Amino acid sequence: PIKVDTDKRPDVNERYNAGGWPTTAILTPKGSVIQAATYVAPEQMIIFLKSSINYFRTNEKELDLNLQKTLQEKTSKTMLLNTQDLVENVVLEAKSSYDQSFGGFGFEPKFPMPDVLSFLEFYYLHSKDTQVEEILKKTLTSMAKNGLFDTEEFGFFRYSTTRDWSIPHFEKMLEDNALLLSVYVDAAKLFGDEIFSGTAKKIIDYLLNNFFDEKEKMFYASQDADEKYYSLSLNERKKLVSPAIDRTFFVDLNCIAAGSFLKAYSLFGEEKYKVIGLDCLKKIYEKNIFDSRVLHYENDLEKVNGFLSDYTLLINASLNAYFYSQDKFFLEKAVAVSEVCKKKFFDDTQKVFFYVEQNNEVGFLQQRKANPKLNSLMSLNLALLNDLQPNDELVNMSGSLNLFSAGKSIEMGIFGAFSAKTVLILENLIGLKTSLLEF
């Protein structure tokens, strides 16, 4: 048995996740999936293992053939002639799945979906669509006032098990809270509502009190779920040991956090937030660059090479840091990391960025995969770099990636929101720096 931490190996999660955590996957020696499920109860495990053995004995060759067929597949492309179709599709999906009673999208379990909310904020900024305004205000208010938000120690839980946001799954994630910080800051700018600015402040307090390491200048990854602990008042909690925190410093998650603190500075004007964001990025360059490559994370026992997410988010955060500080250190680093990123992840034949480098892994881990969201982010990064240092190659690559990401994302419904927001930003290229800073 092999236990895999999804934060440490997101490539394993993306290729073997069976619909949730935990995933229980039984593999062949070559890495093909015999059988997979989410949680398997102890009394069912023997049955699950026996059925996997029986299936493997009679279908080994077929499993190997399916693996080879999957690995030989090329990245399919759906190139949109009009990328605005993606924007309209995501808006339509958001409106049709909007829960008028409780806010949010769909029913239970209900996730906060910061990418969708951020897209709708940017869309509203340009369209003033009154229905989108209603969706944003209702959803953000409901999330902040009900059980998804911890009213005692602050911070958002991972998701709600109920439609009305009242009963959360109690884990708290750096990624969720950093992204929601950005969303609430933008909502405060758009609507001037104290609920939104106040929630943003409380998220900041939670992150600084629980996730930020003053010495290392970086943020921890997550805090465990503990239903009993979170059912107590603040005074009652103080008598107990708080839920454990994963103290790993992941590059991609810290880049998101740094960017959100810089954005918070643009709303509140508190120099401390700006310093935290800039220092966090400087620490990443100090600790997580090894042998001319970005590490996903590092500790005393291991140094794990970065994935495309680490590179693209580091470039983007560095560009944001440059816009806020005008410190050329961040621009120079953004340029340098983008060059390394192209060498390690860009495929000249298929003209996309893959999630992992060429590797010697087994099974589905040999799939490099082209993630639409990350290709969209790289499209934006290249456009920003071109805005600062004009280069026809950057323009062409950015445009090609934007078309690829939009084409793939239109198949994803509401989950294509990030690429749709990138389309809007790129189509509003005039005044791009201001738009990026504000939203």
Protein backbone atom coordinates (compact mmCIF):
# COMPACT_ATOMS: atom_id res chain seq x y z
CA PRO A 1 0.00 0.00 0.00
CA ILE A 2 1.18 3.48 -0.93
CA LYS A 3 -0.24 6.62 0.67
CA VAL A 4 -0.06 9.73 -1.50
CA ASP A 5 -0.48 13.32 -0.28
CA THR A 6 -2.43 15.19 -2.95
CA ASP A 7 -0.72 18.52 -2.15
CA LYS A 8 2.73 16.98 -2.54
CA ARG A 9 1.85 15.00 -5.67
CA PRO A 10 -0.94 16.77 -7.54
CA ASP A 11 0.07 14.88 -10.69
CA VAL A 12 -0.95 11.61 -9.00
CA ASN A 13 -4.23 13.14 -7.86
CA GLU A 14 -5.09 14.43 -11.33
CA ARG A 15 -4.49 11.06 -12.98
CA TYR A 16 -5.87 8.64 -10.39
CA ASN A 17 -8.56 10.53 -8.46
CA ALA A 18 -11.76 8.47 -8.51
CA GLY A 19 -14.10 11.34 -7.71
CA GLY A 20 -12.97 12.54 -4.30
CA TRP A 21 -10.65 12.15 -1.34
CA PRO A 22 -9.66 9.68 -0.16
CA THR A 23 -9.31 7.73 -3.40
CA THR A 24 -8.60 4.02 -3.10
CA ALA A 25 -7.06 2.78 -6.35
CA ILE A 26 -5.78 -0.73 -7.09
CA LEU A 27 -3.16 -0.69 -9.86
CA THR A 28 -1.43 -3.23 -12.06
CA PRO A 29 2.38 -3.45 -11.84
CA LYS A 30 2.48 -1.19 -14.93
CA GLY A 31 0.24 1.42 -13.32
CA SER A 32 -3.11 0.80 -15.00
CA VAL A 33 -6.23 1.03 -12.82
CA ILE A 34 -7.87 -2.30 -11.99
CA GLN A 35 -10.53 -0.82 -9.71
CA ALA A 36 -10.99 2.49 -7.91
CA ALA A 37 -13.39 4.03 -5.42
CA THR A 38 -13.40 6.80 -2.85
CA TYR A 39 -13.61 5.75 0.81
CA VAL A 40 -13.81 1.96 1.28
CA ALA A 41 -15.09 0.86 4.70
CA PRO A 42 -12.96 -1.74 6.56
CA GLU A 43 -15.62 -4.44 6.26
CA GLN A 44 -15.75 -3.88 2.48
CA MET A 45 -12.00 -3.81 1.88
CA ILE A 46 -11.52 -7.60 1.67
CA ILE A 47 -14.30 -7.83 -0.91
CA PHE A 48 -12.82 -4.87 -2.80
CA LEU A 49 -9.34 -6.46 -2.88
CA LYS A 50 -10.59 -9.92 -3.87
CA SER A 51 -12.66 -8.55 -6.74
CA SER A 52 -9.61 -6.56 -7.93
CA ILE A 53 -7.44 -9.70 -7.89
CA ASN A 54 -10.05 -11.69 -9.82
CA TYR A 55 -10.47 -8.98 -12.42
CA PHE A 56 -6.71 -8.62 -12.87
CA ARG A 57 -6.22 -12.36 -13.40
CA THR A 58 -8.66 -12.46 -16.30
CA ASN A 59 -8.05 -9.02 -17.83
CA GLU A 60 -4.34 -8.28 -17.44
CA LYS A 61 -3.63 -7.97 -21.18
CA GLU A 62 -6.68 -5.77 -21.75
CA LEU A 63 -5.64 -3.47 -18.90
CA ASP A 64 -2.14 -3.11 -20.36
CA LEU A 65 -3.57 -2.37 -23.83
CA ASN A 66 -5.89 0.29 -22.40
CA LEU A 67 -2.94 1.91 -20.65
CA GLN A 68 -0.88 2.02 -23.84
CA LYS A 69 -3.81 3.40 -25.82
CA THR A 70 -4.30 6.18 -23.28
CA LEU A 71 -0.62 7.10 -23.26
CA GLN A 72 -0.54 7.34 -27.07
CA GLU A 73 -3.40 9.84 -27.21
CA LYS A 74 -2.44 13.32 -28.33
CA THR A 75 -3.82 16.48 -26.76
CA SER A 76 -7.06 17.23 -28.58
CA LYS A 77 -7.76 20.83 -29.49
CA THR A 78 -11.01 22.72 -29.93
CA MET A 79 -10.00 26.06 -31.37
CA LEU A 80 -12.69 28.73 -30.99
CA LEU A 81 -12.85 31.33 -33.73
CA ASN A 82 -14.57 33.65 -31.26
CA THR A 83 -13.29 33.34 -27.70
CA GLN A 84 -16.20 35.51 -26.55
CA ASP A 85 -18.30 32.34 -26.94
CA LEU A 86 -16.54 30.98 -23.84
CA VAL A 87 -17.39 34.09 -21.84
CA GLU A 88 -21.07 33.91 -22.81
CA ASN A 89 -21.16 30.17 -22.10
CA VAL A 90 -19.76 30.54 -18.58
CA VAL A 91 -22.13 33.42 -17.78
CA LEU A 92 -25.07 31.32 -19.00
CA GLU A 93 -23.92 28.31 -16.95
CA ALA A 94 -23.50 30.46 -13.85
CA LYS A 95 -26.95 31.98 -14.21
CA SER A 96 -28.65 28.64 -14.87
CA SER A 97 -26.96 26.86 -11.93
CA TYR A 98 -27.37 29.76 -9.50
CA ASP A 99 -29.25 28.86 -6.31
CA GLN A 100 -31.70 31.74 -5.81
CA SER A 101 -32.61 30.62 -2.31
CA PHE A 102 -29.16 30.36 -0.73
CA GLY A 103 -26.68 31.67 -3.26
CA GLY A 104 -23.87 29.67 -4.80
CA PHE A 105 -24.15 27.21 -7.63
CA GLY A 106 -25.93 23.87 -7.69
CA PHE A 107 -27.10 22.01 -4.62
CA GLU A 108 -25.18 19.96 -2.05
CA PRO A 109 -22.33 19.52 -1.49
CA LYS A 110 -21.74 23.17 -2.25
CA PHE A 111 -18.29 24.62 -2.89
CA PRO A 112 -17.43 28.34 -2.80
CA MET A 113 -15.96 28.26 -6.36
CA PRO A 114 -13.69 31.35 -6.20
CA ASP A 115 -12.72 31.11 -9.88
CA VAL A 116 -16.36 31.49 -10.91
CA LEU A 117 -16.95 34.37 -8.49
CA SER A 118 -13.80 36.17 -9.63
CA PHE A 119 -14.82 35.80 -13.28
CA LEU A 120 -18.30 37.15 -12.55
CA GLU A 121 -16.78 40.13 -10.74
CA PHE A 122 -14.63 40.98 -13.73
CA TYR A 123 -17.57 40.40 -16.09
CA TYR A 124 -19.78 42.68 -14.00
CA LEU A 125 -17.09 45.37 -13.98
CA HIS A 126 -17.49 45.65 -17.76
CA SER A 127 -21.15 44.66 -18.27
CA LYS A 128 -23.02 45.97 -15.18
CA ASP A 129 -25.33 42.96 -15.61
CA THR A 130 -27.90 43.27 -12.80
CA GLN A 131 -28.47 39.50 -12.57
CA VAL A 132 -24.74 38.92 -12.12
CA GLU A 133 -24.76 41.62 -9.43
CA GLU A 134 -27.51 39.74 -7.60
CA ILE A 135 -25.62 36.44 -7.89
CA LEU A 136 -22.46 37.95 -6.46
CA LYS A 137 -24.06 39.84 -3.57
CA LYS A 138 -26.31 36.94 -2.52
CA THR A 139 -23.61 34.30 -2.76
CA LEU A 140 -20.85 36.25 -1.03
CA THR A 141 -23.16 37.39 1.76
CA SER A 142 -24.57 33.89 2.33
CA MET A 143 -21.13 32.32 2.42
CA ALA A 144 -19.87 34.87 4.94
CA LYS A 145 -22.88 34.75 7.26
CA ASN A 146 -23.56 31.02 7.47
CA GLY A 147 -21.68 27.91 8.57
CA LEU A 148 -19.08 27.93 5.80
CA PHE A 149 -17.29 30.76 7.59
CA ASP A 150 -15.83 30.21 11.07
CA THR A 151 -17.27 33.06 13.15
CA GLU A 152 -14.96 32.31 16.09
CA GLU A 153 -11.44 31.99 14.63
CA PHE A 154 -12.37 33.18 11.13
CA GLY A 155 -11.42 31.62 7.81
CA PHE A 156 -13.52 29.62 5.35
CA PHE A 157 -13.99 25.88 5.59
CA ARG A 158 -13.50 23.80 2.46
CA TYR A 159 -17.12 23.27 1.42
CA SER A 160 -20.66 22.89 2.76
CA THR A 161 -22.32 19.49 2.98
CA THR A 162 -25.70 21.25 2.82
CA ARG A 163 -27.30 23.51 0.26
CA ASP A 164 -27.77 26.39 2.74
CA TRP A 165 -24.06 26.54 3.71
CA SER A 166 -24.95 25.55 7.31
CA ILE A 167 -22.93 22.36 7.85
CA PRO A 168 -19.39 22.56 6.49
CA HIS A 169 -16.67 20.03 5.95
CA PHE A 170 -14.35 21.49 8.54
CA GLU A 171 -10.96 21.45 6.82
CA LYS A 172 -9.44 24.85 6.08
CA MET A 173 -7.16 25.29 3.08
CA LEU A 174 -4.64 28.02 2.28
CA GLU A 175 -5.65 27.95 -1.39
CA ASP A 176 -9.37 28.43 -0.71
CA ASN A 177 -8.86 31.23 1.80
CA ALA A 178 -6.27 33.07 -0.31
CA LEU A 179 -8.49 32.93 -3.39
CA LEU A 180 -11.56 33.99 -1.41
CA LEU A 181 -9.58 36.86 0.09
CA SER A 182 -9.03 38.12 -3.45
CA VAL A 183 -12.72 37.65 -4.29
CA TYR A 184 -13.94 39.58 -1.23
CA VAL A 185 -11.45 42.38 -1.81
CA ASP A 186 -12.74 42.78 -5.36
CA ALA A 187 -16.35 42.65 -4.13
CA ALA A 188 -15.59 45.44 -1.65
CA LYS A 189 -14.16 47.51 -4.49
CA LEU A 190 -17.16 46.83 -6.73
CA PHE A 191 -19.97 47.30 -4.26
CA GLY A 192 -18.46 49.16 -1.29
CA ASP A 193 -20.21 46.80 1.12
CA GLU A 194 -18.73 46.54 4.62
CA ILE A 195 -19.71 42.86 4.78
CA PHE A 196 -17.22 42.14 2.01
CA SER A 197 -14.38 44.31 3.30
CA GLY A 198 -14.97 43.01 6.82
CA THR A 199 -14.87 39.39 5.65
CA ALA A 200 -11.64 40.09 3.76
CA LYS A 201 -10.11 41.49 6.96
CA LYS A 202 -11.17 38.40 8.91
CA ILE A 203 -9.64 36.08 6.30
CA ILE A 204 -6.39 38.02 6.64
CA ASP A 205 -6.54 37.68 10.43
CA TYR A 206 -7.09 33.91 10.15
CA LEU A 207 -4.21 33.44 7.72
CA LEU A 208 -1.79 35.54 9.75
CA ASN A 209 -2.76 33.90 13.03
CA ASN A 210 -2.69 30.32 11.80
CA PHE A 211 -0.84 29.88 8.51
CA PHE A 212 1.82 32.57 8.30
CA ASP A 213 5.30 31.72 9.54
CA GLU A 214 6.86 34.98 10.73
CA LYS A 215 10.38 33.59 10.53
CA GLU A 216 10.12 31.94 7.11
CA LYS A 217 7.84 34.62 5.63
CA MET A 218 5.73 31.93 3.97
CA PHE A 219 2.36 30.26 4.50
CA TYR A 220 1.46 26.74 5.63
CA ALA A 221 -0.82 24.58 3.49
CA SER A 222 -3.93 23.49 5.42
CA GLN A 223 -5.57 22.83 8.77
CA ASP A 224 -7.26 19.54 9.64
CA ALA A 225 -10.99 19.08 10.04
CA ASP A 226 -12.25 18.62 13.61
CA GLU A 227 -16.03 18.70 13.95
CA LYS A 228 -16.02 18.73 17.77
CA TYR A 229 -13.46 21.53 18.02
CA TYR A 230 -15.26 23.82 15.57
CA SER A 231 -18.61 23.31 17.31
CA LEU A 232 -17.23 25.09 20.39
CA SER A 233 -17.05 28.77 21.30
CA LEU A 234 -13.72 30.57 21.14
CA ASN A 235 -13.22 30.35 24.93
CA GLU A 236 -13.97 26.62 24.88
CA ARG A 237 -11.56 26.09 21.99
CA LYS A 238 -8.75 27.76 23.90
CA LYS A 239 -8.85 24.85 26.38
CA LEU A 240 -8.09 22.35 23.59
CA VAL A 241 -5.27 21.74 21.15
CA SER A 242 -6.27 23.27 17.84
CA PRO A 243 -6.54 21.02 14.74
CA ALA A 244 -3.19 20.08 13.22
CA ILE A 245 -1.70 22.22 10.49
CA ASP A 246 0.28 20.94 7.51
CA ARG A 247 3.40 23.09 7.78
CA THR A 248 4.69 22.39 4.28
CA PHE A 249 5.52 25.48 2.22
CA PHE A 250 4.20 24.83 -1.29
CA VAL A 251 5.34 27.26 -3.98
CA ASP A 252 2.08 27.39 -5.93
CA LEU A 253 -0.05 27.98 -2.82
CA ASN A 254 2.31 30.66 -1.50
CA CYS A 255 2.20 32.48 -4.82
CA ILE A 256 -1.60 32.62 -4.58
CA ALA A 257 -1.36 33.91 -1.00
CA ALA A 258 1.26 36.53 -1.88
CA GLY A 259 -0.87 37.84 -4.74
CA SER A 260 -3.94 38.06 -2.52
CA PHE A 261 -2.08 40.05 0.15
CA LEU A 262 -0.85 42.48 -2.50
CA LYS A 263 -4.42 42.90 -3.66
CA ALA A 264 -5.56 43.43 -0.07
CA TYR A 265 -2.99 46.23 0.17
CA SER A 266 -4.62 47.93 -2.83
CA LEU A 267 -7.93 48.05 -0.90
CA PHE A 268 -6.88 48.70 2.68
CA GLY A 269 -3.64 50.59 2.07
CA GLU A 270 -1.89 48.78 4.93
CA GLU A 271 1.82 48.61 4.14
CA LYS A 272 2.10 45.41 6.17
CA TYR A 273 0.08 43.47 3.60
CA LYS A 274 2.31 44.65 0.78
CA VAL A 275 5.45 43.70 2.70
CA ILE A 276 4.08 40.23 3.47
CA GLY A 277 3.32 39.61 -0.20
CA LEU A 278 6.70 40.82 -1.45
CA ASP A 279 8.68 39.07 1.30
CA CYS A 280 6.87 35.80 0.63
CA LEU A 281 7.92 35.87 -3.03
CA LYS A 282 11.49 36.81 -2.16
CA LYS A 283 11.59 33.83 0.21
CA ILE A 284 10.39 31.53 -2.55
CA TYR A 285 13.29 32.64 -4.74
CA GLU A 286 15.66 32.15 -1.84
CA LYS A 287 14.44 28.71 -0.71
CA ASN A 288 12.72 27.07 -3.66
CA ILE A 289 15.03 27.58 -6.61
CA PHE A 290 17.39 24.64 -6.89
CA ASP A 291 19.72 23.78 -9.76
CA SER A 292 18.04 26.40 -12.01
CA ARG A 293 14.60 24.94 -11.44
CA VAL A 294 11.61 25.79 -9.27
CA LEU A 295 10.79 23.29 -6.55
CA HIS A 296 7.22 22.38 -5.65
CA TYR A 297 8.35 22.21 -2.03
CA GLU A 298 11.47 21.34 -0.08
CA ASN A 299 12.34 20.13 3.39
CA ASP A 300 15.21 18.38 5.16
CA LEU A 301 14.36 15.05 3.51
CA GLU A 302 13.27 15.86 -0.02
CA LYS A 303 13.29 18.39 -2.81
CA VAL A 304 10.40 17.86 -5.23
CA ASN A 305 10.63 19.43 -8.68
CA GLY A 306 7.96 21.95 -9.54
CA PHE A 307 4.95 21.37 -11.75
CA LEU A 308 3.59 23.78 -14.32
CA SER A 309 1.37 25.28 -11.60
CA ASP A 310 4.42 26.32 -9.60
CA TYR A 311 6.05 28.05 -12.56
CA THR A 312 2.98 29.82 -13.95
CA LEU A 313 1.80 31.05 -10.55
CA LEU A 314 5.30 32.23 -9.63
CA ILE A 315 5.56 34.19 -12.88
CA ASN A 316 2.14 35.74 -12.33
CA ALA A 317 2.80 36.62 -8.69
CA SER A 318 6.17 38.13 -9.63
CA LEU A 319 4.53 40.33 -12.27
CA ASN A 320 1.96 41.47 -9.73
CA ALA A 321 4.78 42.20 -7.29
CA TYR A 322 6.52 44.29 -9.94
CA PHE A 323 3.37 46.32 -10.63
CA TYR A 324 2.93 47.06 -6.94
CA SER A 325 6.56 47.70 -6.04
CA GLN A 326 8.24 48.71 -9.33
CA ASP A 327 11.17 46.64 -8.08
CA LYS A 328 12.92 45.29 -11.19
CA PHE A 329 14.00 42.23 -9.21
CA PHE A 330 10.52 40.79 -9.69
CA LEU A 331 10.35 41.59 -13.40
CA GLU A 332 13.76 40.03 -14.02
CA LYS A 333 12.72 36.92 -12.10
CA ALA A 334 9.44 36.67 -14.01
CA VAL A 335 11.32 36.77 -17.31
CA ALA A 336 13.88 34.21 -16.15
CA VAL A 337 11.28 31.76 -14.80
CA SER A 338 9.19 32.06 -17.97
CA GLU A 339 12.20 31.07 -20.08
CA VAL A 340 12.87 28.02 -17.90
CA CYS A 341 9.16 27.19 -17.99
CA LYS A 342 9.12 27.20 -21.79
CA LYS A 343 12.13 24.89 -21.96
CA LYS A 344 10.73 22.40 -19.47
CA PHE A 345 7.02 22.33 -20.21
CA PHE A 346 6.27 23.73 -23.69
CA ASP A 347 5.73 21.23 -26.50
CA ASP A 348 6.75 22.67 -29.88
CA THR A 349 4.72 20.07 -31.76
CA GLN A 350 1.40 20.49 -29.99
CA LYS A 351 2.02 24.15 -29.04
CA VAL A 352 0.83 23.77 -25.44
CA PHE A 353 2.35 23.69 -21.98
CA PHE A 354 2.24 20.31 -20.28
CA TYR A 355 1.73 19.88 -16.55
CA VAL A 356 4.90 17.84 -15.92
CA GLU A 357 8.31 17.61 -17.54
CA GLN A 358 9.36 14.59 -19.56
CA ASN A 359 9.62 11.87 -16.97
CA ASN A 360 10.49 8.25 -16.28
CA GLU A 361 7.33 7.54 -14.29
CA VAL A 362 5.06 4.52 -14.67
CA GLY A 363 1.40 4.11 -15.56
CA PHE A 364 -0.74 7.18 -16.12
CA LEU A 365 1.98 9.33 -14.55
CA GLN A 366 3.65 9.17 -17.95
CA GLN A 367 0.83 11.41 -19.22
CA ARG A 368 2.08 14.96 -19.28
CA LYS A 369 -1.40 16.51 -19.79
CA ALA A 370 -2.18 20.05 -20.91
CA ASN A 371 -4.23 21.78 -18.22
CA PRO A 372 -6.48 24.47 -19.81
CA LYS A 373 -6.49 26.71 -16.73
CA LEU A 374 -2.70 26.77 -16.44
CA ASN A 375 -2.27 27.33 -20.18
CA SER A 376 -4.71 30.21 -19.82
CA LEU A 377 -2.65 31.66 -16.97
CA MET A 378 0.51 31.30 -19.05
CA SER A 379 -1.25 33.09 -21.90
CA LEU A 380 -1.92 35.98 -19.54
CA ASN A 381 1.64 35.93 -18.21
CA LEU A 382 3.09 36.17 -21.72
CA ALA A 383 0.73 39.02 -22.62
CA LEU A 384 1.81 40.92 -19.51
CA LEU A 385 5.48 40.32 -20.29
CA ASN A 386 4.89 41.58 -23.82
CA ASP A 387 3.18 44.66 -22.41
CA LEU A 388 6.39 45.38 -20.51
CA GLN A 389 8.93 44.13 -23.04
CA PRO A 390 7.28 43.93 -26.52
CA ASN A 391 8.14 40.74 -28.38
CA ASP A 392 6.27 39.20 -31.34
CA GLU A 393 7.02 35.67 -30.11
CA LEU A 394 5.28 36.42 -26.81
CA VAL A 395 2.24 37.83 -28.62
CA ASN A 396 1.92 34.80 -30.91
CA MET A 397 2.38 32.26 -28.13
CA SER A 398 -0.06 34.09 -25.85
CA GLY A 399 -2.71 34.21 -28.58
CA SER A 400 -2.31 30.53 -29.43
CA LEU A 401 -2.55 29.48 -25.78
CA ASN A 402 -5.62 31.66 -25.28
CA LEU A 403 -7.38 29.94 -28.19
CA PHE A 404 -6.42 26.48 -26.93
CA SER A 405 -7.53 27.20 -23.36
CA ALA A 406 -10.81 28.75 -24.46
CA GLY A 407 -11.52 25.81 -26.76
CA LYS A 408 -10.91 23.24 -24.05
CA SER A 409 -12.66 25.27 -21.36
CA ILE A 410 -15.91 25.66 -23.27
CA GLU A 411 -16.34 21.90 -22.81
CA MET A 412 -16.06 22.37 -19.02
CA GLY A 413 -19.16 24.49 -18.45
CA ILE A 414 -18.94 26.70 -15.36
CA PHE A 415 -15.49 25.26 -14.58
CA GLY A 416 -14.10 27.13 -17.58
CA ALA A 417 -14.46 30.38 -15.61
CA PHE A 418 -10.74 31.03 -15.15
CA SER A 419 -10.06 30.86 -18.89
CA ALA A 420 -13.12 33.02 -19.53
CA LYS A 421 -11.74 35.70 -17.20
CA THR A 422 -8.41 35.57 -19.05
CA VAL A 423 -10.27 36.10 -22.33
CA LEU A 424 -11.89 39.23 -20.87
CA ILE A 425 -8.57 40.57 -19.60
CA LEU A 426 -6.82 39.98 -22.91
CA GLU A 427 -9.67 41.58 -24.85
CA ASN A 428 -9.36 44.64 -22.60
CA LEU A 429 -5.63 44.91 -23.16
CA ILE A 430 -5.70 48.71 -23.11
CA GLY A 431 -5.23 49.68 -19.49
CA LEU A 432 -4.27 46.09 -18.72
CA LYS A 433 -2.07 46.99 -15.77
CA THR A 434 -4.86 48.85 -14.02
CA SER A 435 -7.32 46.05 -14.72
CA LEU A 436 -4.95 43.44 -13.37
CA LEU A 437 -4.26 45.40 -10.22
CA GLU A 438 -7.91 46.05 -9.52
CA PHE A 439 -9.24 42.62 -10.37
